[in-house]
Amino acid sequence: MGGGRLLGAPLRFVSRRGDRIKVLTWSRGGFVLLYKRLEAGRFRLPPVDAGAQAVTLDATQLAMLLDGIDVAQVRRQPAWTPPGRTGT
């Protein structure tokens, strides 16, 4: 296990059939393993670049994946940023 595991970066493993997923992460003194098996259907994974060995998902994308949402089809609205201050 790499040092990143101790920093809370979860590892995700998906079965070849795509109907099972495991998430392994570190939480205060021990590893936590989440396992989910679909009764029907498959997890819709985001596209992977050719030759890539890993895909990075943020917490929101992981939650959508576990809820059965196709992450590749989701469009995010641009985040609001406050206008810059002038004259102060």
N, C-alpha and C. Protein backbone atom coordinates (compact mmCIF):
# COMPACT_ATOMS: atom_id res chain seq x y z
N MET A 1 0.85 -1.18 0.00
CA MET A 1 0.00 0.00 0.00
C MET A 1 0.89 1.23 0.00
N GLY A 2 0.55 2.20 -0.82
CA GLY A 2 1.33 3.42 -0.90
C GLY A 2 1.06 4.34 0.27
N GLY A 3 1.94 5.34 0.43
CA GLY A 3 1.76 6.31 1.50
C GLY A 3 0.49 7.11 1.35
N GLY A 4 -0.04 7.23 0.11
CA GLY A 4 -1.27 7.97 -0.12
C GLY A 4 -2.46 7.36 0.59
N ARG A 5 -2.41 6.06 0.87
CA ARG A 5 -3.52 5.41 1.57
C ARG A 5 -3.70 6.00 2.96
N LEU A 6 -2.61 6.36 3.59
CA LEU A 6 -2.70 6.91 4.94
C LEU A 6 -3.18 8.35 4.94
N LEU A 7 -3.22 8.97 3.78
CA LEU A 7 -3.71 10.34 3.67
C LEU A 7 -5.20 10.39 3.37
N GLY A 8 -5.84 9.23 3.24
CA GLY A 8 -7.29 9.20 3.02
C GLY A 8 -7.70 9.10 1.57
N ALA A 9 -6.77 8.96 0.65
CA ALA A 9 -7.13 8.82 -0.77
C ALA A 9 -7.62 7.39 -1.01
N PRO A 10 -8.91 7.21 -1.32
CA PRO A 10 -9.44 5.85 -1.45
C PRO A 10 -9.02 5.16 -2.73
N LEU A 11 -8.90 3.85 -2.65
CA LEU A 11 -8.68 3.00 -3.82
C LEU A 11 -10.01 2.40 -4.22
N ARG A 12 -10.27 2.32 -5.52
CA ARG A 12 -11.52 1.73 -6.00
C ARG A 12 -11.19 0.60 -6.95
N PHE A 13 -11.88 -0.51 -6.78
CA PHE A 13 -11.70 -1.67 -7.64
C PHE A 13 -13.05 -2.07 -8.20
N VAL A 14 -13.13 -2.28 -9.51
CA VAL A 14 -14.38 -2.69 -10.15
C VAL A 14 -14.14 -4.06 -10.78
N SER A 15 -15.12 -4.96 -10.63
CA SER A 15 -14.99 -6.30 -11.18
C SER A 15 -15.02 -6.26 -12.71
N ARG A 16 -14.55 -7.32 -13.33
CA ARG A 16 -14.54 -7.39 -14.80
C ARG A 16 -15.93 -7.30 -15.38
N ARG A 17 -16.91 -7.88 -14.69
CA ARG A 17 -18.29 -7.80 -15.17
C ARG A 17 -18.89 -6.43 -14.94
N GLY A 18 -18.30 -5.65 -14.06
CA GLY A 18 -18.77 -4.29 -13.81
C GLY A 18 -19.95 -4.22 -12.86
N ASP A 19 -20.28 -5.33 -12.20
CA ASP A 19 -21.44 -5.32 -11.30
C ASP A 19 -21.04 -5.25 -9.83
N ARG A 20 -19.73 -5.18 -9.56
CA ARG A 20 -19.24 -5.13 -8.17
C ARG A 20 -18.15 -4.07 -8.06
N ILE A 21 -18.16 -3.38 -6.93
CA ILE A 21 -17.14 -2.36 -6.70
C ILE A 21 -16.69 -2.44 -5.24
N LYS A 22 -15.40 -2.24 -5.02
CA LYS A 22 -14.83 -2.17 -3.68
C LYS A 22 -14.11 -0.84 -3.55
N VAL A 23 -14.27 -0.21 -2.41
CA VAL A 23 -13.58 1.05 -2.11
C VAL A 23 -12.82 0.83 -0.81
N LEU A 24 -11.52 1.04 -0.85
CA LEU A 24 -10.66 0.85 0.32
C LEU A 24 -10.06 2.20 0.70
N THR A 25 -10.23 2.59 1.94
CA THR A 25 -9.68 3.86 2.42
C THR A 25 -9.21 3.72 3.86
N TRP A 26 -8.47 4.68 4.31
CA TRP A 26 -7.93 4.69 5.68
C TRP A 26 -8.76 5.63 6.53
N SER A 27 -9.11 5.21 7.73
CA SER A 27 -9.89 6.05 8.63
C SER A 27 -9.44 5.85 10.06
N ARG A 28 -8.77 6.81 10.61
CA ARG A 28 -8.34 6.84 12.02
C ARG A 28 -8.03 5.50 12.64
N GLY A 29 -6.92 4.93 12.29
CA GLY A 29 -6.47 3.72 12.96
C GLY A 29 -6.79 2.42 12.25
N GLY A 30 -7.38 2.48 11.07
CA GLY A 30 -7.66 1.23 10.36
C GLY A 30 -8.22 1.47 8.98
N PHE A 31 -8.18 0.42 8.18
CA PHE A 31 -8.73 0.49 6.84
C PHE A 31 -10.23 0.24 6.87
N VAL A 32 -10.95 0.89 5.97
CA VAL A 32 -12.39 0.71 5.80
C VAL A 32 -12.60 0.17 4.39
N LEU A 33 -13.38 -0.91 4.28
CA LEU A 33 -13.67 -1.52 2.99
C LEU A 33 -15.17 -1.44 2.73
N LEU A 34 -15.54 -0.78 1.64
CA LEU A 34 -16.94 -0.70 1.21
C LEU A 34 -17.07 -1.61 0.00
N TYR A 35 -18.07 -2.48 0.00
CA TYR A 35 -18.29 -3.42 -1.10
C TYR A 35 -19.75 -3.32 -1.52
N LYS A 36 -19.97 -3.14 -2.82
CA LYS A 36 -21.34 -3.06 -3.32
C LYS A 36 -21.46 -3.96 -4.54
N ARG A 37 -22.53 -4.79 -4.53
CA ARG A 37 -22.82 -5.70 -5.64
C ARG A 37 -24.20 -5.37 -6.17
N LEU A 38 -24.28 -5.12 -7.46
CA LEU A 38 -25.57 -4.82 -8.07
C LEU A 38 -26.31 -6.11 -8.39
N GLU A 39 -27.59 -6.15 -8.11
CA GLU A 39 -28.41 -7.30 -8.46
C GLU A 39 -28.65 -7.36 -9.97
N ALA A 40 -28.74 -6.19 -10.60
CA ALA A 40 -28.93 -6.11 -12.05
C ALA A 40 -28.19 -4.88 -12.56
N GLY A 41 -27.67 -4.96 -13.75
CA GLY A 41 -26.99 -3.82 -14.36
C GLY A 41 -25.52 -3.77 -14.02
N ARG A 42 -24.90 -2.68 -14.45
CA ARG A 42 -23.47 -2.49 -14.25
C ARG A 42 -23.20 -1.06 -13.81
N PHE A 43 -22.08 -0.87 -13.13
CA PHE A 43 -21.65 0.47 -12.79
C PHE A 43 -21.19 1.15 -14.08
N ARG A 44 -21.58 2.40 -14.26
CA ARG A 44 -21.19 3.19 -15.44
C ARG A 44 -19.94 3.98 -15.10
N LEU A 45 -18.80 3.48 -15.54
CA LEU A 45 -17.53 4.12 -15.22
C LEU A 45 -17.22 5.22 -16.22
N PRO A 46 -16.50 6.25 -15.78
CA PRO A 46 -16.10 7.30 -16.72
C PRO A 46 -15.10 6.75 -17.73
N PRO A 47 -15.00 7.37 -18.90
CA PRO A 47 -14.05 6.88 -19.90
C PRO A 47 -12.62 6.96 -19.39
N VAL A 48 -11.81 6.00 -19.82
CA VAL A 48 -10.41 5.91 -19.39
C VAL A 48 -9.53 6.11 -20.62
N ASP A 49 -8.49 6.93 -20.47
CA ASP A 49 -7.54 7.13 -21.56
C ASP A 49 -6.81 5.82 -21.84
N ALA A 50 -6.49 5.59 -23.12
CA ALA A 50 -5.76 4.38 -23.50
C ALA A 50 -4.43 4.33 -22.75
N GLY A 51 -4.13 3.20 -22.16
CA GLY A 51 -2.89 3.02 -21.44
C GLY A 51 -2.92 3.49 -20.00
N ALA A 52 -3.99 4.14 -19.59
CA ALA A 52 -4.08 4.61 -18.20
C ALA A 52 -4.36 3.43 -17.28
N GLN A 53 -3.71 3.42 -16.14
CA GLN A 53 -3.91 2.35 -15.17
C GLN A 53 -4.84 2.77 -14.04
N ALA A 54 -5.16 4.06 -13.98
CA ALA A 54 -6.00 4.55 -12.89
C ALA A 54 -6.87 5.71 -13.37
N VAL A 55 -7.99 5.88 -12.71
CA VAL A 55 -8.89 7.00 -12.96
C VAL A 55 -9.10 7.71 -11.62
N THR A 56 -9.07 9.02 -11.62
CA THR A 56 -9.27 9.79 -10.40
C THR A 56 -10.71 10.28 -10.34
N LEU A 57 -11.39 9.98 -9.23
CA LEU A 57 -12.75 10.45 -8.99
C LEU A 57 -12.76 11.25 -7.70
N ASP A 58 -13.52 12.34 -7.68
CA ASP A 58 -13.68 13.06 -6.42
C ASP A 58 -14.84 12.43 -5.64
N ALA A 59 -15.09 12.92 -4.44
CA ALA A 59 -16.12 12.33 -3.58
C ALA A 59 -17.50 12.39 -4.22
N THR A 60 -17.80 13.49 -4.91
CA THR A 60 -19.10 13.63 -5.56
C THR A 60 -19.27 12.61 -6.67
N GLN A 61 -18.24 12.44 -7.49
CA GLN A 61 -18.30 11.46 -8.57
C GLN A 61 -18.43 10.04 -8.04
N LEU A 62 -17.74 9.73 -6.94
CA LEU A 62 -17.86 8.40 -6.34
C LEU A 62 -19.27 8.17 -5.84
N ALA A 63 -19.87 9.16 -5.20
CA ALA A 63 -21.25 9.03 -4.71
C ALA A 63 -22.21 8.81 -5.87
N MET A 64 -22.02 9.53 -6.98
CA MET A 64 -22.88 9.35 -8.15
C MET A 64 -22.70 7.96 -8.74
N LEU A 65 -21.45 7.49 -8.81
CA LEU A 65 -21.17 6.16 -9.33
C LEU A 65 -21.87 5.09 -8.50
N LEU A 66 -21.79 5.20 -7.18
CA LEU A 66 -22.42 4.22 -6.30
C LEU A 66 -23.94 4.29 -6.35
N ASP A 67 -24.49 5.46 -6.73
CA ASP A 67 -25.95 5.61 -6.86
C ASP A 67 -26.45 5.23 -8.24
N GLY A 68 -25.56 4.81 -9.13
CA GLY A 68 -25.98 4.36 -10.46
C GLY A 68 -26.06 5.45 -11.50
N ILE A 69 -25.49 6.61 -11.23
CA ILE A 69 -25.51 7.71 -12.18
C ILE A 69 -24.29 7.60 -13.09
N ASP A 70 -24.51 7.78 -14.40
CA ASP A 70 -23.43 7.73 -15.37
C ASP A 70 -22.63 9.03 -15.26
N VAL A 71 -21.46 8.96 -14.65
CA VAL A 71 -20.65 10.15 -14.37
C VAL A 71 -20.25 10.85 -15.67
N ALA A 72 -20.03 10.10 -16.75
CA ALA A 72 -19.61 10.69 -18.02
C ALA A 72 -20.70 11.55 -18.64
N GLN A 73 -21.96 11.31 -18.30
CA GLN A 73 -23.08 12.06 -18.89
C GLN A 73 -23.48 13.29 -18.08
N VAL A 74 -22.90 13.46 -16.91
CA VAL A 74 -23.27 14.57 -16.03
C VAL A 74 -22.58 15.84 -16.50
N ARG A 75 -23.35 16.91 -16.61
CA ARG A 75 -22.79 18.22 -16.95
C ARG A 75 -22.84 19.09 -15.71
N ARG A 76 -21.72 19.65 -15.36
CA ARG A 76 -21.66 20.54 -14.20
C ARG A 76 -21.76 21.98 -14.66
N GLN A 77 -22.51 22.76 -13.91
CA GLN A 77 -22.60 24.19 -14.17
C GLN A 77 -21.31 24.84 -13.69
N PRO A 78 -20.88 25.91 -14.35
CA PRO A 78 -19.67 26.60 -13.88
C PRO A 78 -19.86 27.10 -12.45
N ALA A 79 -18.84 26.95 -11.66
CA ALA A 79 -18.90 27.40 -10.27
C ALA A 79 -18.87 28.92 -10.22
N TRP A 80 -19.64 29.50 -9.31
CA TRP A 80 -19.67 30.95 -9.15
C TRP A 80 -18.43 31.39 -8.42
N THR A 81 -17.82 32.44 -8.91
CA THR A 81 -16.68 33.03 -8.22
C THR A 81 -17.00 34.50 -7.98
N PRO A 82 -16.69 35.01 -6.82
CA PRO A 82 -17.00 36.41 -6.53
C PRO A 82 -16.17 37.34 -7.42
N PRO A 83 -16.77 38.45 -7.81
CA PRO A 83 -16.00 39.41 -8.63
C PRO A 83 -14.84 39.98 -7.83
N GLY A 84 -13.78 40.35 -8.53
CA GLY A 84 -12.62 40.93 -7.85
C GLY A 84 -12.95 42.28 -7.24
N ARG A 85 -12.31 42.58 -6.13
CA ARG A 85 -12.53 43.86 -5.46
C ARG A 85 -11.78 44.96 -6.21
N THR A 86 -12.41 46.11 -6.32
CA THR A 86 -11.75 47.25 -6.94
C THR A 86 -11.91 48.46 -6.03
N GLY A 87 -10.90 49.31 -6.00
CA GLY A 87 -10.98 50.55 -5.25
C GLY A 87 -10.74 50.42 -3.76
N THR A 88 -10.28 49.28 -3.26
CA THR A 88 -10.00 49.15 -1.83
C THR A 88 -8.57 48.75 -1.61
